[in-house]
Protein backbone atom coordinates (compact mmCIF):
# COMPACT_ATOMS: atom_id res chain seq x y z
CA MET A 1 27.92 -117.87 -131.28
CA GLU A 2 29.65 -119.12 -128.17
CA GLU A 3 32.98 -117.58 -129.18
CA ASN A 4 31.42 -114.14 -129.58
CA ASP A 5 29.68 -114.22 -126.14
CA THR A 6 32.77 -115.14 -124.19
CA PRO A 7 34.77 -111.98 -124.70
CA GLU A 8 31.82 -109.76 -123.78
CA PHE A 9 31.25 -111.72 -120.59
CA ASP A 10 34.91 -111.32 -119.57
CA ALA A 11 35.03 -107.50 -120.08
CA LYS A 12 32.12 -106.64 -117.76
CA PRO A 13 33.89 -107.43 -114.46
CA ALA A 14 36.81 -105.04 -115.39
CA VAL A 15 34.42 -102.12 -115.91
CA ASN A 16 32.70 -102.76 -112.59
CA LYS A 17 36.02 -102.69 -110.72
CA ASP A 18 36.99 -99.31 -112.15
CA VAL A 19 33.64 -97.83 -111.21
CA TRP A 20 33.90 -99.05 -107.69
CA LEU A 21 37.43 -97.73 -107.29
CA LEU A 22 36.32 -94.33 -108.54
CA LEU A 23 33.43 -94.27 -106.12
CA ILE A 24 35.71 -95.19 -103.22
CA VAL A 25 38.14 -92.44 -104.13
CA LEU A 26 35.31 -89.91 -104.35
CA ASP A 27 34.00 -91.04 -100.96
CA VAL A 28 37.41 -90.65 -99.39
CA VAL A 29 37.81 -87.16 -100.87
CA ALA A 30 34.30 -86.17 -99.72
CA MET A 31 35.06 -87.42 -96.20
CA CYS A 32 38.33 -85.46 -96.11
CA VAL A 33 36.59 -82.27 -97.23
CA LEU A 34 33.78 -82.76 -94.72
CA GLY A 35 36.25 -83.45 -91.94
CA PHE A 36 38.21 -80.29 -92.81
CA TYR A 37 35.09 -78.12 -92.66
CA LEU A 38 34.03 -79.72 -89.37
CA TYR A 39 37.47 -79.11 -87.86
CA LYS A 40 37.48 -75.53 -89.06
CA HIS A 41 34.03 -74.92 -87.53
CA PHE A 42 34.54 -76.57 -84.12
CA ALA A 43 38.26 -75.96 -83.56
CA PRO A 44 37.90 -72.33 -82.19
CA GLN A 45 35.29 -73.45 -79.68
CA MET A 46 37.45 -76.34 -78.51
CA THR A 47 40.61 -74.18 -78.12
CA GLN A 48 38.86 -71.13 -76.47
CA GLN A 49 40.27 -70.36 -72.96
CA PRO A 50 37.60 -69.95 -70.25
CA ALA A 51 37.73 -67.76 -67.10
CA LYS A 52 38.65 -64.50 -68.93
CA PRO A 53 35.34 -62.75 -68.08
CA ALA A 54 35.91 -63.56 -64.43
CA VAL A 55 39.32 -61.84 -64.50
CA VAL A 56 37.83 -58.78 -66.19
CA GLN A 57 35.05 -58.69 -63.63
CA GLU A 58 37.56 -58.92 -60.78
CA GLU A 59 39.66 -56.06 -62.24
CA THR A 60 36.54 -53.91 -62.69
CA THR A 61 35.50 -54.56 -59.10
CA ALA A 62 38.98 -53.64 -57.85
CA LEU A 63 39.00 -50.37 -59.84
CA VAL A 64 35.55 -49.41 -58.59
CA THR A 65 36.64 -50.14 -55.02
CA GLU A 66 39.79 -48.01 -55.40
CA ASP A 67 37.81 -45.07 -56.90
CA ILE A 68 35.15 -45.17 -54.18
CA SER A 69 37.60 -45.51 -51.26
CA PRO A 70 38.62 -41.75 -51.14
CA ILE A 71 34.96 -40.71 -51.31
CA ALA A 72 34.13 -43.08 -48.49
CA ASP A 73 37.01 -41.68 -46.40
CA ALA A 74 35.84 -38.10 -47.04
CA VAL A 75 32.28 -38.99 -46.01
CA LEU A 76 33.60 -40.64 -42.87
CA ILE A 77 35.66 -37.54 -41.97
CA GLU A 78 32.66 -35.22 -42.52
CA GLU A 79 30.50 -37.40 -40.29
CA THR A 80 33.20 -37.37 -37.57
CA VAL A 81 33.50 -33.58 -37.72
CA ALA A 82 29.74 -33.19 -37.62
CA ASP A 83 29.62 -35.26 -34.40
CA VAL A 84 32.03 -32.87 -32.61
CA PRO A 85 29.99 -30.29 -30.61
CA ALA A 86 30.53 -26.64 -31.54
CA VAL A 87 32.33 -24.46 -29.01
CA PRO A 88 30.25 -21.37 -28.12
CA GLU A 89 31.92 -18.01 -28.81
CA THR A 90 32.80 -15.98 -25.77
CA LYS A 91 33.32 -12.21 -25.80
CA THR A 92 36.46 -11.02 -24.12
CA ASP A 93 36.61 -8.19 -21.67
CA VAL A 94 38.53 -6.07 -24.17
CA GLN A 95 35.53 -5.98 -26.52
CA ALA A 96 33.14 -5.14 -23.72
CA GLN A 97 35.17 -2.13 -22.57
CA PRO A 98 34.27 1.21 -24.21
CA GLU A 99 36.85 2.92 -26.37
CA GLN A 100 38.92 5.48 -24.53
CA PRO A 101 39.68 8.80 -26.23
CA VAL A 102 43.25 9.24 -27.39
CA ALA A 103 44.97 12.13 -25.69
CA LYS A 104 46.28 14.76 -28.11
CA PRO A 105 49.87 15.89 -27.65
CA ALA A 106 50.25 19.30 -26.07
CA PRO A 107 51.31 22.04 -28.49
CA THR A 108 54.99 22.91 -28.40
CA PRO A 109 55.53 26.41 -27.00
CA LYS A 110 56.99 28.88 -29.45
CA THR A 111 60.35 30.37 -28.83
CA LEU A 112 60.91 34.09 -28.43
CA VAL A 113 62.67 34.24 -31.79
CA GLU A 114 59.69 32.66 -33.58
CA GLU A 115 57.25 35.02 -31.87
CA ALA A 116 59.40 37.99 -32.80
CA LEU A 117 59.59 36.87 -36.44
CA GLU A 118 55.82 36.46 -36.60
CA SER A 119 55.22 39.93 -35.18
CA VAL A 120 57.42 41.59 -37.79
CA GLU A 121 55.48 42.42 -40.96
CA PRO A 122 57.31 41.66 -44.23
CA GLU A 123 58.41 44.71 -46.14
CA PRO A 124 56.77 45.16 -49.55
CA ALA A 125 58.91 44.39 -52.56
CA PRO A 126 60.41 47.51 -54.13
CA GLN A 127 58.46 48.66 -57.17
CA PRO A 128 60.36 49.74 -60.29
CA GLU A 129 60.57 53.50 -60.66
CA LYS A 130 57.96 54.84 -63.03
CA LYS A 131 59.78 57.05 -65.50
CA GLN A 132 58.10 59.59 -67.75
CA SER A 133 59.08 58.47 -71.24
CA ILE A 134 56.50 60.68 -73.07
CA ILE A 135 55.96 64.36 -72.34
CA VAL A 136 53.15 66.21 -74.13
CA ALA A 137 53.23 70.04 -74.14
CA GLN A 138 51.04 72.67 -75.75
CA GLY A 139 52.50 73.89 -79.05
CA LYS A 140 52.58 77.36 -80.52
CA SER A 141 49.49 76.56 -82.57
CA THR A 142 46.38 74.77 -81.37
CA LYS A 143 46.64 72.20 -84.18
CA TYR A 144 49.78 70.40 -82.98
CA ARG A 145 51.29 69.35 -79.67
CA GLN A 146 54.98 69.19 -78.78
CA VAL A 147 55.65 65.52 -77.80
CA THR A 148 59.00 64.51 -76.31
CA PHE A 149 60.05 60.80 -76.51
CA ARG A 150 62.66 59.42 -74.11
CA TRP A 151 64.34 56.01 -74.23
CA PHE A 152 65.93 54.97 -70.91
CA GLY A 153 67.43 51.70 -72.08
CA LYS A 154 70.87 50.91 -73.42
CA GLY A 155 71.85 51.20 -77.06
CA LYS A 156 74.21 52.79 -79.55
CA SER A 157 71.53 54.17 -81.90
CA VAL A 158 67.83 54.76 -81.10
CA ALA A 159 64.98 55.89 -83.36
CA VAL A 160 61.17 56.10 -83.13
CA VAL A 161 58.81 55.09 -85.96
CA SER A 162 55.04 55.53 -86.32
CA GLY A 163 52.36 57.05 -88.51
CA PHE A 164 53.22 60.53 -87.28
CA THR A 165 56.78 60.04 -88.64
CA GLY A 166 55.49 58.99 -92.04
CA SER A 167 56.63 55.40 -91.35
CA LYS A 168 60.22 56.67 -91.42
CA PRO A 169 62.42 56.33 -88.30
CA ARG A 170 63.24 59.60 -86.48
CA LYS A 171 66.51 59.42 -84.53
CA LEU A 172 66.79 60.28 -80.84
CA GLN A 173 69.72 62.26 -79.40
CA LYS A 174 71.91 60.91 -76.61
CA LYS A 175 71.51 62.73 -73.24
CA LYS A 176 72.91 61.91 -69.79
CA ASP A 177 71.30 58.49 -69.19
CA TYR A 178 68.62 58.40 -71.88
CA TRP A 179 67.86 59.19 -75.52
CA GLU A 180 65.47 62.04 -76.48
CA THR A 181 63.67 63.75 -79.39
CA THR A 182 60.72 66.19 -79.68
CA LEU A 183 58.13 66.05 -82.48
CA ALA A 184 55.05 68.13 -83.40
CA ILE A 185 52.05 65.75 -83.43
CA ALA A 186 48.36 66.47 -84.00
CA PRO A 187 45.85 65.26 -81.36
CA GLY A 188 44.86 61.62 -81.73
CA SER A 189 45.79 58.04 -80.82
CA TYR A 190 48.92 56.49 -82.33
CA LYS A 191 50.95 53.26 -82.20
CA PHE A 192 54.73 53.46 -82.26
CA LEU A 193 57.94 51.44 -81.73
CA TYR A 194 61.55 52.22 -80.84
CA ILE A 195 64.31 50.84 -83.06
CA VAL A 196 67.33 50.14 -80.85
CA ASP A 197 70.44 48.98 -82.70
CA GLY A 198 68.20 47.74 -85.55
CA VAL A 199 65.81 45.79 -83.29
CA ASN A 200 62.18 46.81 -82.62
CA GLN A 201 61.49 47.54 -78.93
CA LEU A 202 58.38 48.50 -76.94
CA ASP A 203 58.28 51.47 -74.58
CA PRO A 204 58.21 49.76 -71.13
CA TYR A 205 56.61 52.87 -69.52
CA ALA A 206 53.78 53.36 -72.03
CA GLU A 207 50.54 51.51 -72.68
CA GLN A 208 50.68 48.61 -75.13
CA LYS A 209 48.16 47.20 -77.59
CA GLU A 210 48.50 44.56 -80.33
CA GLY A 211 52.26 44.39 -79.95
CA ARG A 212 52.79 48.19 -80.19
CA SER A 213 53.25 51.03 -77.72
CA VAL A 214 50.30 53.45 -77.58
CA LEU A 215 50.47 57.26 -77.60
CA VAL A 216 47.35 59.37 -76.93
CA VAL A 217 47.63 63.11 -77.74
CA LYS A 218 44.72 65.30 -76.56
């Protein structure tokens, strides 16, 4: 019985030493972890630099002072100007004098030549000679009239065309300074044209209507 109890008694101290060593190690680790968290929490507060708000406040004060200084100068100038007494306006003698009428220049006398030209009345412009291009005469019978057509213009061949010619041109004969033909025409109103060198022409000495010369036979 004594031999069996001895080994058990010797093993117990070894187990107690291991437990204590483990506890010490755990304590050391726990202290390290706690110290790390404490350092991490209090380190920013310990390393923070003071006096920054004061610098910001000083800069703000300086800026406000610089911004207000022009306004203060302007107010000071306005007050100085307001203190200067106003100078009363005085009317000059020129304004008090009445306006004098401006003398009109005397008219320039006309020369004898100008007076003579004004006294002479202008001659009327010469009117073109009215030529008798149509001559109406009583015929042998009372039904028709003998009508003579004369063309006083230039041309190599002249003809007259109208309803009384049956819409066919009737040639005129060359005389001294004009062309002439005589036709028997019943009383009435007619429109006619001259054909001069193939071109239609109006009678410049007869009445005109709707682009045609007019003939009235009574």
